[in-house]
Amino acid sequence: MNLTQKAKAVTEMIAQDFYEWLKNIGGDEQPTLDTQTIIRLFEIGFNYHAAHSLCVKIKEMPAVTDNIAEKRNLPEKSVRECLHTQLQQDLRAYKMKEKLVAFGKMLPLELRSKPPKEDFVKKWLQCKKVPHKLATMEAVWGGIEGLRSTRAFCHWLIDHPEIIPPRYLEEKGMLDLNYLLAPHYSVEDFGEANVDLGGIGDTPGTVQSEHTEAEGQTEGGEGEEEH
């Protein structure tokens, strides 16, 4: 008898015992459930066609989000706590001294210790793949080069050479003092100006002549009404 047959026999035996227990509780009344119905109630399989067409991949996660860890009352499984634990373990491993031989013989595997070859700083504090816009800070300063606040920040960077400036501002030449001292105009400088656009595509003379003719016709019409 294989494992599947043993499981089926044990399941039928448990269902039969449960059926006999129901009969003893009910007295003279016969239970509406039978052994096969009880077995179907406790089935955990799913034999429909949709179940066979689904692809289920079980993945074991080393950590979960903070919200899930709090709801499950497992704060040590949160991403932040697991990352902190991994940092501490790596730091202890890098500080460990190499121990391979004792008394002229190799130590057992469980007693050997050897620090990792990979640099701790490069592993945790340096990123190998950084997007170009993020590395040059174009994602922050792109499109706002003409703002006064950006030029003021460039002035501050020139006065503080110990601060590493963004590469994007250097490539644009905005850290050149001559460039910053040159006059720059923005929309704010023309905010209070009164600009008469007139007709789109018309010259100023044409627009002015049209207004003059319209005023003359209006005055002539008023004079005829007075007569």
Protein backbone atom coordinates (compact mmCIF):
# COMPACT_ATOMS: atom_id res chain seq x y z
CA MET A 1 0.00 0.00 0.00
CA ASN A 2 1.54 3.28 -1.08
CA LEU A 3 1.29 6.61 0.69
CA THR A 4 -1.76 7.79 -1.28
CA GLN A 5 -3.70 4.61 -0.50
CA LYS A 6 -2.78 4.87 3.18
CA ALA A 7 -3.99 8.47 3.31
CA LYS A 8 -7.26 7.51 1.63
CA ALA A 9 -7.83 4.63 4.09
CA VAL A 10 -7.12 6.84 7.11
CA THR A 11 -9.48 9.52 5.75
CA GLU A 12 -12.29 6.99 5.28
CA MET A 13 -11.73 5.64 8.79
CA ILE A 14 -11.91 9.13 10.30
CA ALA A 15 -15.07 9.92 8.29
CA GLN A 16 -16.68 6.66 9.46
CA ASP A 17 -15.88 7.44 13.10
CA PHE A 18 -17.35 10.93 12.66
CA TYR A 19 -20.50 9.41 11.12
CA GLU A 20 -20.92 7.00 14.05
CA TRP A 21 -20.48 9.89 16.47
CA LEU A 22 -23.25 11.84 14.71
CA LYS A 23 -25.57 8.81 14.96
CA ASN A 24 -24.97 8.52 18.71
CA ILE A 25 -25.72 12.22 19.23
CA GLY A 26 -28.90 12.19 17.15
CA GLY A 27 -30.47 9.27 18.98
CA ASP A 28 -33.29 7.73 16.94
CA GLU A 29 -32.93 10.28 14.12
CA GLN A 30 -30.64 9.28 11.30
CA PRO A 31 -28.05 11.92 10.24
CA THR A 32 -28.46 13.42 6.81
CA LEU A 33 -24.73 13.13 6.17
CA ASP A 34 -23.08 9.97 4.98
CA THR A 35 -19.42 8.96 4.89
CA GLN A 36 -18.75 10.14 1.32
CA THR A 37 -20.35 13.53 1.99
CA ILE A 38 -18.19 14.00 5.08
CA ILE A 39 -15.07 13.16 3.06
CA ARG A 40 -16.02 15.74 0.41
CA LEU A 41 -16.55 18.39 3.09
CA PHE A 42 -12.97 18.04 4.28
CA GLU A 43 -11.30 17.80 0.88
CA ILE A 44 -8.45 20.23 0.33
CA GLY A 45 -7.89 19.46 -3.35
CA PHE A 46 -9.36 21.38 -6.28
CA ASN A 47 -10.00 19.26 -9.35
CA TYR A 48 -11.73 21.71 -11.68
CA HIS A 49 -10.23 22.51 -15.08
CA ALA A 50 -9.42 26.08 -14.06
CA ALA A 51 -7.26 24.82 -11.21
CA HIS A 52 -5.16 22.68 -13.56
CA SER A 53 -4.59 25.61 -15.92
CA LEU A 54 -3.21 27.91 -13.21
CA CYS A 55 0.53 28.19 -12.64
CA VAL A 56 1.34 28.71 -8.97
CA LYS A 57 4.89 29.62 -7.98
CA ILE A 58 5.67 29.52 -4.28
CA LYS A 59 8.37 31.98 -3.30
CA GLU A 60 9.93 32.23 0.12
CA MET A 61 10.64 35.85 1.00
CA PRO A 62 13.42 36.72 3.44
CA ALA A 63 11.52 39.78 4.65
CA VAL A 64 8.14 41.48 4.33
CA THR A 65 6.96 45.07 4.46
CA ASP A 66 6.68 46.86 7.78
CA ASN A 67 2.86 46.88 7.69
CA ILE A 68 2.62 43.12 7.23
CA ALA A 69 5.22 42.49 9.94
CA GLU A 70 3.27 44.64 12.41
CA LYS A 71 -0.06 42.95 11.62
CA ARG A 72 1.48 39.50 12.02
CA ASN A 73 3.22 40.59 15.23
CA LEU A 74 6.62 39.72 13.76
CA PRO A 75 8.60 42.99 13.76
CA GLU A 76 11.90 41.13 13.32
CA LYS A 77 10.74 39.99 9.85
CA SER A 78 10.32 43.51 8.47
CA VAL A 79 12.61 44.75 5.70
CA ARG A 80 14.25 47.35 7.92
CA GLU A 81 15.00 44.92 10.75
CA CYS A 82 16.29 42.22 8.39
CA LEU A 83 18.52 44.74 6.63
CA HIS A 84 19.86 45.95 9.97
CA THR A 85 20.55 42.36 11.04
CA GLN A 86 22.34 41.60 7.77
CA LEU A 87 24.51 44.70 8.15
CA GLN A 88 25.52 43.66 11.65
CA GLN A 89 26.35 40.13 10.52
CA ASP A 90 28.47 41.38 7.62
CA LEU A 91 30.25 43.87 9.87
CA ARG A 92 31.15 41.11 12.32
CA ALA A 93 32.30 38.90 9.46
CA TYR A 94 34.60 41.61 8.07
CA LYS A 95 36.14 42.20 11.50
CA MET A 96 36.77 38.48 11.98
CA LYS A 97 40.35 37.26 11.75
CA GLU A 98 41.33 34.41 9.48
CA LYS A 99 41.60 31.09 11.32
CA LEU A 100 42.31 28.01 9.26
CA VAL A 101 45.19 26.19 10.96
CA ALA A 102 45.91 25.30 14.59
CA PHE A 103 48.85 23.29 15.92
CA GLY A 104 50.02 22.57 12.40
CA LYS A 105 46.71 21.02 11.30
CA MET A 106 43.66 22.29 9.48
CA LEU A 107 40.75 23.16 11.72
CA PRO A 108 37.38 21.47 11.20
CA LEU A 109 34.97 23.31 8.92
CA GLU A 110 32.78 24.51 11.78
CA LEU A 111 35.81 26.11 13.50
CA ARG A 112 37.30 27.83 10.47
CA SER A 113 36.79 31.54 9.91
CA LYS A 114 37.73 33.74 6.99
CA PRO A 115 36.65 37.34 6.33
CA PRO A 116 34.85 38.01 3.02
CA LYS A 117 36.92 39.24 0.09
CA GLU A 118 34.31 41.75 -1.08
CA ASP A 119 34.69 45.27 0.25
CA PHE A 120 32.05 46.18 2.82
CA VAL A 121 31.71 49.76 1.56
CA LYS A 122 31.31 48.72 -2.09
CA LYS A 123 28.72 46.11 -1.17
CA TRP A 124 26.40 48.31 0.88
CA LEU A 125 27.21 51.94 0.07
CA GLN A 126 27.93 51.86 -3.68
CA CYS A 127 25.44 51.09 -6.41
CA LYS A 128 26.67 49.52 -9.64
CA LYS A 129 23.75 50.50 -11.87
CA VAL A 130 22.57 54.09 -11.43
CA PRO A 131 20.33 55.77 -14.06
CA HIS A 132 22.07 58.56 -15.97
CA LYS A 133 19.54 61.23 -14.99
CA LEU A 134 19.90 60.28 -11.34
CA ALA A 135 23.70 60.07 -11.42
CA THR A 136 24.03 63.51 -13.04
CA MET A 137 21.10 64.94 -11.00
CA GLU A 138 19.34 65.90 -14.22
CA ALA A 139 16.17 64.46 -12.70
CA VAL A 140 16.30 67.28 -10.11
CA TRP A 141 17.72 70.27 -11.97
CA GLY A 142 16.60 69.55 -15.52
CA GLY A 143 14.20 72.22 -16.83
CA ILE A 144 14.64 74.69 -13.95
CA GLU A 145 18.01 76.15 -14.90
CA GLY A 146 16.51 79.61 -15.43
CA LEU A 147 15.01 79.96 -11.96
CA ARG A 148 16.49 82.43 -9.52
CA SER A 149 16.66 79.77 -6.83
CA THR A 150 18.80 77.58 -9.10
CA ARG A 151 21.21 80.43 -9.83
CA ALA A 152 21.36 81.25 -6.12
CA PHE A 153 22.23 77.63 -5.39
CA CYS A 154 25.01 77.80 -8.00
CA HIS A 155 26.36 80.93 -6.29
CA TRP A 156 26.35 79.04 -2.99
CA LEU A 157 28.23 76.12 -4.57
CA ILE A 158 30.88 78.49 -5.88
CA ASP A 159 31.32 79.95 -2.38
CA HIS A 160 31.57 76.43 -0.89
CA PRO A 161 34.03 74.46 -3.05
CA GLU A 162 34.18 71.65 -0.48
CA ILE A 163 30.68 70.57 -1.59
CA ILE A 164 30.62 68.26 -4.62
CA PRO A 165 28.37 70.01 -7.18
CA PRO A 166 25.86 68.15 -9.37
CA ARG A 167 27.37 66.97 -12.64
CA TYR A 168 24.40 68.29 -14.62
CA LEU A 169 25.01 71.88 -13.48
CA GLU A 170 28.69 71.55 -14.31
CA GLU A 171 27.93 70.29 -17.82
CA LYS A 172 25.55 73.23 -18.35
CA GLY A 173 28.30 75.67 -17.33
CA MET A 174 26.19 77.14 -14.54
CA LEU A 175 29.07 77.03 -12.05
CA ASP A 176 30.91 79.69 -14.06
CA LEU A 177 30.74 83.04 -12.29
CA ASN A 178 30.69 84.97 -15.58
CA TYR A 179 27.62 83.01 -16.67
CA LEU A 180 25.82 83.73 -13.42
CA LEU A 181 26.63 87.46 -13.53
CA ALA A 182 25.24 87.80 -17.05
CA PRO A 183 21.66 89.18 -17.21
CA HIS A 184 18.98 86.50 -17.25
CA TYR A 185 15.32 87.16 -17.88
CA SER A 186 12.37 85.09 -16.81
CA VAL A 187 8.60 85.31 -17.06
CA GLU A 188 8.50 86.94 -13.62
CA ASP A 189 10.39 89.97 -14.94
CA PHE A 190 7.61 90.64 -17.45
CA GLY A 191 4.72 89.84 -15.12
CA GLU A 192 3.71 93.49 -14.65
CA ALA A 193 4.25 94.55 -18.26
CA ASN A 194 1.20 95.50 -20.34
CA VAL A 195 1.54 93.83 -23.72
CA ASP A 196 -1.06 94.61 -26.43
CA LEU A 197 -1.07 91.51 -28.64
CA GLY A 198 -3.73 92.82 -31.02
CA GLY A 199 -4.75 90.41 -33.75
CA ILE A 200 -2.69 87.27 -34.13
CA GLY A 201 -0.68 87.46 -37.35
CA ASP A 202 -1.47 91.17 -37.93
CA THR A 203 1.11 93.94 -37.94
CA PRO A 204 0.74 96.75 -35.37
CA GLY A 205 0.03 99.28 -38.12
CA THR A 206 -2.82 97.23 -39.54
CA VAL A 207 -4.42 96.77 -36.14
CA GLN A 208 -4.12 100.49 -35.37
CA SER A 209 -5.65 101.52 -38.73
CA GLU A 210 -8.56 99.15 -38.23
CA HIS A 211 -9.25 100.66 -34.81
CA THR A 212 -9.08 104.22 -36.31
CA GLU A 213 -11.57 103.39 -39.08
CA ALA A 214 -13.93 101.76 -36.59
CA GLU A 215 -13.81 104.82 -34.32
CA GLY A 216 -14.49 107.13 -37.30
CA GLN A 217 -17.52 105.12 -38.36
CA THR A 218 -18.86 105.21 -34.82
CA GLU A 219 -18.47 109.00 -34.57
CA GLY A 220 -20.14 109.48 -37.97
CA GLY A 221 -23.08 107.35 -36.97
CA GLU A 222 -23.58 109.32 -33.78
CA GLY A 223 -23.52 112.59 -35.76
CA GLU A 224 -26.25 111.40 -38.15
CA GLU A 225 -28.45 110.41 -35.25
CA GLU A 226 -28.08 113.92 -33.75
CA HIS A 227 -29.16 115.53 -37.04
